């Protein structure tokens, strides 16, 4: 979609007005001229909100002594705080809303599998912010600005930077249940196993920590997530970092957890009784995730255990 910056209303929209909305219109026009869809355009608006509050500022973080890893000042300017001295263009170019937005989108288009990443992950991989989740809190406002400027219902969901994935909705699919009453929780090969690892979603990988589950790569968003056993849903929603989680209590001190759904991919509510093999969610990439998949955990007596040998003992092979 594209909006003529000369026709932008004064606002306010989601707390933004005047020059800020005009700059948002320039971002949308730049994205449209590159043939990008509404989700990509909205990511551009969200990113500029997180970098400059949609104000074309003529200074950057270097004003506060912020430096690059090599100790040099950041030389960042404009809507996207682009470092003109590190290849983002001339000072005049990064101070031009349309040109700077075009440069942002051109870089963003090189992000692999961006359609399966949540918006803040796309922005982070383009901008390399120190905090990969920095932009998530601006998503709702960006959606509101884009929709009200364009007069179009984008179909993008609100809440912690989540999106509605293509193909979402429709009938649910039952899973296969064995004679012991257990089911495979998700489709796809094992992407990452239980154990200690560095966090792939953080710059410099962060600290060594326990990866408390098994990741199953569904291959795309909206793959079915099945309850591994009959039980009661005791949690279903988003936590503070935006991760969608479902927890099912199966009795016998056994609980299972299913992570990374978008809000719209959580198909059950707290208190629901679910059957083994019942579809309870759709795979997403919310929270600390680098692509759509199911992170599956098994907890015994309140502590996580390795899901692969546990599930093998009850007759289910993961992956």
Protein backbone atom coordinates (compact mmCIF):
# COMPACT_ATOMS: atom_id res chain seq x y z
CA UNK A 1 0.00 0.00 0.00
CA UNK A 2 1.12 3.58 -0.46
CA UNK A 3 -0.01 6.88 1.06
CA UNK A 4 0.69 10.33 -0.34
CA UNK A 5 2.67 12.16 2.38
CA UNK A 6 0.97 15.40 1.32
CA UNK A 7 -2.43 14.05 2.37
CA UNK A 8 -1.51 12.69 5.79
CA UNK A 9 -3.88 13.77 8.61
CA UNK A 10 -2.52 15.74 11.55
CA UNK A 11 -3.33 12.95 13.99
CA UNK A 12 -2.75 11.92 16.63
CA UNK A 13 -2.70 8.21 15.84
CA UNK A 14 -1.44 5.89 18.56
CA UNK A 15 0.38 8.87 20.09
CA UNK A 16 2.04 9.99 16.84
CA UNK A 17 1.15 13.15 14.92
CA UNK A 18 2.29 15.78 12.42
CA UNK A 19 5.80 15.20 11.11
CA UNK A 20 5.87 11.70 12.61
CA UNK A 21 2.91 10.56 10.50
CA UNK A 22 4.34 12.20 7.38
CA UNK A 23 7.55 10.25 7.94
CA UNK A 24 5.52 7.06 8.37
CA UNK A 25 3.91 7.77 5.00
CA UNK A 26 7.34 8.15 3.38
CA UNK A 27 8.34 4.78 4.84
CA UNK A 28 5.22 3.13 3.44
CA UNK A 29 5.81 4.71 0.02
CA UNK A 30 9.41 3.48 -0.04
CA UNK A 31 8.29 -0.04 0.80
CA UNK A 32 5.51 0.01 -1.78
CA UNK A 33 7.89 1.26 -4.47
CA UNK A 34 10.10 -1.76 -3.78
CA UNK A 35 7.09 -4.06 -4.18
CA UNK A 36 6.95 -5.02 -0.49
CA UNK A 37 3.77 -6.15 1.21
CA UNK A 38 1.98 -4.55 4.14
CA UNK A 39 3.73 -6.64 6.79
CA UNK A 40 7.18 -5.60 5.57
CA UNK A 41 6.07 -1.96 5.34
CA UNK A 42 4.72 -2.09 8.88
CA UNK A 43 8.02 -3.53 10.10
CA UNK A 44 9.68 -0.44 8.62
CA UNK A 45 7.36 1.88 10.54
CA UNK A 46 7.87 -0.13 13.75
CA UNK A 47 11.65 0.03 13.37
CA UNK A 48 11.68 3.80 12.88
CA UNK A 49 9.45 4.18 15.94
CA UNK A 50 12.00 2.22 17.95
CA UNK A 51 14.97 4.14 16.57
CA UNK A 52 13.76 7.74 16.43
CA UNK A 53 10.07 7.95 17.42
CA UNK A 54 9.45 8.73 13.72
CA UNK A 55 11.35 12.02 14.05
CA UNK A 56 14.07 12.70 11.51
CA UNK A 57 16.69 13.56 14.13
CA UNK A 58 20.05 15.03 13.12
CA UNK A 59 21.95 13.28 15.89
CA UNK A 60 22.34 9.73 17.15
CA UNK A 61 23.42 7.61 20.08
CA UNK A 62 26.95 8.94 19.71
CA UNK A 63 25.65 12.08 21.43
CA UNK A 64 25.44 9.94 24.56
CA UNK A 65 28.85 8.36 24.09
CA UNK A 66 27.58 5.16 22.50
CA UNK A 67 30.29 3.42 20.50
CA UNK A 68 30.67 0.56 18.08
CA UNK A 69 32.46 -2.61 19.22
CA UNK A 70 35.73 -1.18 17.90
CA UNK A 71 35.33 1.94 20.05
CA UNK A 72 34.38 4.36 17.28
CA UNK A 73 31.37 6.64 17.67
CA UNK A 74 28.23 5.39 15.96
CA UNK A 75 27.71 8.35 13.54
CA UNK A 76 23.98 7.48 13.42
CA UNK A 77 21.39 9.86 11.96
CA UNK A 78 17.79 10.04 10.79
CA UNK A 79 14.64 7.98 11.15
CA UNK A 80 16.51 4.68 11.30
CA UNK A 81 19.64 5.95 13.06
CA UNK A 82 21.72 4.68 10.15
CA UNK A 83 25.48 4.99 10.46
CA UNK A 84 26.42 7.02 7.41
CA UNK A 85 30.12 6.45 8.08
CA UNK A 86 29.66 2.65 7.88
CA UNK A 87 28.09 2.31 4.46
CA UNK A 88 24.48 3.45 4.92
CA UNK A 89 25.02 6.38 2.57
CA UNK A 90 25.88 10.05 2.82
CA UNK A 91 24.64 12.22 5.67
CA UNK A 92 22.13 13.84 3.30
CA UNK A 93 20.83 10.43 2.20
CA UNK A 94 20.24 9.05 5.69
CA UNK A 95 18.52 12.32 6.61
CA UNK A 96 16.07 11.94 3.72
CA UNK A 97 13.05 9.91 4.99
CA UNK A 98 12.29 8.25 1.66
CA UNK A 99 15.92 7.40 0.82
CA UNK A 100 16.72 6.16 4.32
CA UNK A 101 13.59 3.98 4.32
CA UNK A 102 14.59 2.58 0.92
CA UNK A 103 18.02 1.72 2.31
CA UNK A 104 16.43 0.04 5.34
CA UNK A 105 14.10 -2.07 3.20
CA UNK A 106 16.88 -2.99 0.78
CA UNK A 107 18.90 -4.35 3.71
CA UNK A 108 15.82 -5.99 5.25
CA UNK A 109 15.08 -7.88 2.04
CA UNK A 110 18.36 -9.76 2.52
CA UNK A 111 17.21 -11.23 5.87
CA UNK A 112 16.72 -14.95 5.32
CA UNK A 113 13.29 -16.43 6.07
CA UNK A 114 12.00 -13.08 7.29
CA UNK A 115 8.38 -14.13 6.76
CA UNK A 116 8.77 -16.79 9.46
CA UNK A 117 10.41 -14.41 11.96
CA UNK A 118 8.44 -12.18 14.28
CA UNK A 119 8.72 -8.48 13.32
CA UNK A 120 11.19 -7.53 16.05
CA UNK A 121 13.48 -10.33 14.85
CA UNK A 122 13.40 -8.98 11.30
CA UNK A 123 14.18 -5.46 12.52
CA UNK A 124 16.98 -6.73 14.76
CA UNK A 125 18.65 -8.67 11.96
CA UNK A 126 18.53 -5.57 9.78
CA UNK A 127 19.59 -3.01 12.39
CA UNK A 128 21.62 -5.19 14.78
CA UNK A 129 20.22 -3.58 17.90
CA UNK A 130 21.86 -4.79 21.11
CA UNK A 131 18.45 -6.04 22.28
CA UNK A 132 16.72 -8.29 19.70
CA UNK A 133 13.34 -7.66 21.37
CA UNK A 134 13.66 -3.87 21.48
CA UNK A 135 11.17 -3.23 18.68
CA UNK A 136 8.35 -5.54 19.84
CA UNK A 137 6.70 -2.90 22.01
CA UNK A 138 6.21 -0.63 18.98
CA UNK A 139 4.37 -3.19 16.83
CA UNK A 140 0.83 -2.38 18.00
CA UNK A 141 1.35 1.33 17.39
CA UNK A 142 2.86 0.66 13.97
CA UNK A 143 -0.14 -1.46 12.95
CA UNK A 144 -2.51 1.29 14.16
CA UNK A 145 -0.64 4.00 12.24
CA UNK A 146 -0.51 1.97 9.02
CA UNK A 147 -4.19 1.02 9.20
CA UNK A 148 -5.43 4.51 9.98
CA UNK A 149 -3.24 6.20 7.39
CA UNK A 150 -4.28 3.76 4.69
CA UNK A 151 -7.85 3.04 5.77
CA UNK A 152 -7.12 -0.66 5.22
CA UNK A 153 -7.52 -3.55 7.66
CA UNK A 154 -4.06 -5.10 7.38
CA UNK A 155 -4.97 -8.38 9.09
CA UNK A 156 -1.87 -8.01 11.27
CA UNK A 157 -2.38 -9.01 14.89
CA UNK A 158 -1.57 -6.96 17.95
CA UNK A 159 0.43 -7.98 20.97
CA UNK A 160 4.18 -8.13 21.54
CA UNK A 161 5.20 -7.96 17.93
CA UNK A 162 3.27 -10.97 16.69
CA UNK A 163 1.85 -11.40 13.25
CA UNK A 164 -0.88 -13.43 11.63
CA UNK A 165 0.84 -16.01 9.44
CA UNK A 166 -0.27 -16.71 5.93
CA UNK A 167 -2.67 -19.64 5.78
CA UNK A 168 -3.80 -19.25 9.36
CA UNK A 169 -7.18 -20.56 10.38
CA UNK A 170 -9.29 -23.38 9.04
CA UNK A 171 -9.97 -26.80 10.48
CA UNK A 172 -7.70 -28.37 13.07
CA UNK A 173 -6.06 -31.73 12.48
CA UNK A 174 -6.01 -34.65 14.93
CA UNK A 175 -2.70 -36.28 15.77
CA UNK A 176 -1.79 -39.96 15.94
CA UNK A 177 -2.26 -41.53 19.39
CA UNK A 178 -0.61 -44.82 20.38
CA UNK A 179 -2.11 -47.59 22.48
CA UNK A 180 -0.57 -46.09 25.60
CA UNK A 181 -2.46 -42.83 25.16
CA UNK A 182 0.49 -40.72 24.01
CA UNK A 183 0.81 -38.64 20.84
CA UNK A 184 3.55 -36.88 18.89
CA UNK A 185 3.41 -33.18 19.90
CA UNK A 186 4.51 -31.80 16.53
CA UNK A 187 5.69 -32.62 13.04
CA UNK A 188 9.11 -32.16 11.50
CA UNK A 189 12.67 -33.22 12.32
CA UNK A 190 14.48 -32.41 15.54
CA UNK A 191 16.06 -28.99 15.08
CA UNK A 192 17.71 -28.60 18.48
CA UNK A 193 18.01 -31.03 21.37
CA UNK A 194 17.70 -30.70 25.14
CA UNK A 195 20.90 -29.58 26.88
CA UNK A 196 23.21 -26.70 27.64
CA UNK A 197 23.75 -24.23 24.81
CA UNK A 198 24.36 -20.58 24.02
CA UNK A 199 21.37 -18.43 23.14
CA UNK A 200 21.28 -18.06 19.32
CA UNK A 201 18.97 -15.02 19.56
CA UNK A 202 21.44 -12.76 21.39
CA UNK A 203 24.44 -10.81 20.17
CA UNK A 204 27.63 -12.67 21.15
CA UNK A 205 25.28 -15.57 22.02
CA UNK A 206 24.80 -14.47 25.63
CA UNK A 207 25.44 -16.97 28.43
CA UNK A 208 25.52 -20.76 28.40
CA UNK A 209 22.11 -21.91 29.59
CA UNK A 210 19.83 -24.93 29.63
CA UNK A 211 17.75 -25.44 26.51
CA UNK A 212 14.99 -27.19 28.44
CA UNK A 213 13.21 -28.87 25.54
CA UNK A 214 13.36 -30.34 22.06
CA UNK A 215 12.76 -28.14 18.99
CA UNK A 216 10.77 -29.65 16.14
CA UNK A 217 11.05 -27.81 12.81
CA UNK A 218 7.60 -27.74 11.25
CA UNK A 219 8.94 -26.28 8.00
CA UNK A 220 6.55 -23.31 8.04
CA UNK A 221 4.25 -21.31 10.28
CA UNK A 222 0.92 -22.76 11.41
CA UNK A 223 1.96 -26.39 11.63
CA UNK A 224 -0.25 -28.35 14.03
CA UNK A 225 0.71 -28.71 17.70
CA UNK A 226 -0.89 -31.67 19.46
CA UNK A 227 -1.32 -32.39 23.15
CA UNK A 228 1.04 -35.25 23.95
CA UNK A 229 -1.41 -36.78 26.41
CA UNK A 230 -4.85 -36.11 27.86
CA UNK A 231 -4.85 -33.42 30.52
CA UNK A 232 -5.91 -29.96 31.65
CA UNK A 233 -4.57 -26.68 30.26
CA UNK A 234 -3.06 -24.69 33.13
CA UNK A 235 -1.48 -21.88 31.08
CA UNK A 236 -2.22 -20.51 27.62
CA UNK A 237 -0.96 -17.10 26.57
CA UNK A 238 2.02 -14.81 26.06
CA UNK A 239 4.68 -14.14 28.67
CA UNK A 240 6.62 -10.90 29.10
CA UNK A 241 9.07 -11.43 26.22
CA UNK A 242 6.24 -12.23 23.82
CA UNK A 243 6.63 -16.00 23.80
CA UNK A 244 3.37 -17.90 23.31
CA UNK A 245 3.17 -20.84 25.72
CA UNK A 246 0.69 -23.63 26.44
CA UNK A 247 1.18 -25.82 29.52
CA UNK A 248 -0.84 -29.01 30.03
CA UNK A 249 -1.05 -30.87 33.35
CA UNK A 250 -1.43 -34.61 32.70
CA UNK A 251 -1.51 -35.75 36.32
CA UNK A 252 1.03 -38.16 37.81
CA UNK A 253 3.35 -35.14 38.30
CA UNK A 254 3.78 -34.84 34.51
CA UNK A 255 3.37 -31.55 32.64
CA UNK A 256 4.19 -30.69 29.03
CA UNK A 257 4.90 -27.24 27.61
CA UNK A 258 4.59 -26.00 24.03
CA UNK A 259 6.35 -22.74 23.05
CA UNK A 260 6.57 -20.05 20.34
CA UNK A 261 2.98 -19.87 19.08
CA UNK A 262 1.71 -16.45 18.12
CA UNK A 263 -1.29 -15.27 20.11
CA UNK A 264 -3.55 -16.26 17.23
CA UNK A 265 -1.99 -19.74 17.18
CA UNK A 266 -3.04 -20.58 20.74
CA UNK A 267 -6.22 -22.64 20.31
CA UNK A 268 -7.03 -23.51 23.94
CA UNK A 269 -7.72 -21.67 27.17
CA UNK A 270 -6.85 -22.25 30.82
CA UNK A 271 -9.14 -24.89 32.29
CA UNK A 272 -9.79 -26.72 29.01
CA UNK A 273 -9.73 -30.51 29.14
CA UNK A 274 -7.76 -31.79 26.15
CA UNK A 275 -7.38 -35.25 24.67
CA UNK A 276 -4.16 -36.89 23.53
CA UNK A 277 -3.55 -35.91 19.93
CA UNK A 278 -5.94 -32.94 20.08
CA UNK A 279 -4.62 -29.93 18.19
CA UNK A 280 -4.04 -27.21 20.76
CA UNK A 281 -1.97 -24.73 18.75
CA UNK A 282 -0.20 -23.72 15.55
CA UNK A 283 3.54 -23.28 15.26
CA UNK A 284 4.89 -19.75 15.28
CA UNK A 285 8.07 -17.82 16.03
CA UNK A 286 7.11 -15.63 18.97
CA UNK A 287 9.55 -14.56 21.67
CA UNK A 288 13.18 -15.69 21.57
CA UNK A 289 12.95 -17.61 18.31
CA UNK A 290 14.71 -17.55 14.96
CA UNK A 291 11.95 -19.18 12.89
CA UNK A 292 8.64 -21.03 13.12
CA UNK A 293 8.96 -24.24 15.13
CA UNK A 294 7.67 -26.06 18.22
CA UNK A 295 9.77 -26.03 21.37
CA UNK A 296 8.44 -29.00 23.40
CA UNK A 297 9.19 -29.60 27.08
CA UNK A 298 8.40 -32.39 29.53
CA UNK A 299 8.42 -31.64 33.27
CA UNK A 300 8.49 -34.33 35.95
CA UNK A 301 7.90 -33.31 39.56
CA UNK A 302 8.33 -29.68 38.56
CA UNK A 303 11.65 -30.09 36.75
CA UNK A 304 12.39 -30.32 33.02
CA UNK A 305 13.72 -33.59 31.62
CA UNK A 306 15.01 -34.54 28.17
CA UNK A 307 11.87 -35.06 26.06
CA UNK A 308 13.43 -37.48 23.54
CA UNK A 309 14.21 -40.41 25.88
CA UNK A 310 11.07 -39.71 27.94
CA UNK A 311 8.83 -39.86 24.87
CA UNK A 312 10.70 -42.93 23.56
CA UNK A 313 9.85 -44.75 26.81
CA UNK A 314 6.13 -44.12 26.21
CA UNK A 315 6.37 -45.23 22.59
CA UNK A 316 6.72 -41.91 20.76
CA UNK A 317 9.73 -40.97 18.62
CA UNK A 318 10.30 -37.24 18.22
CA UNK A 319 11.35 -36.08 14.79
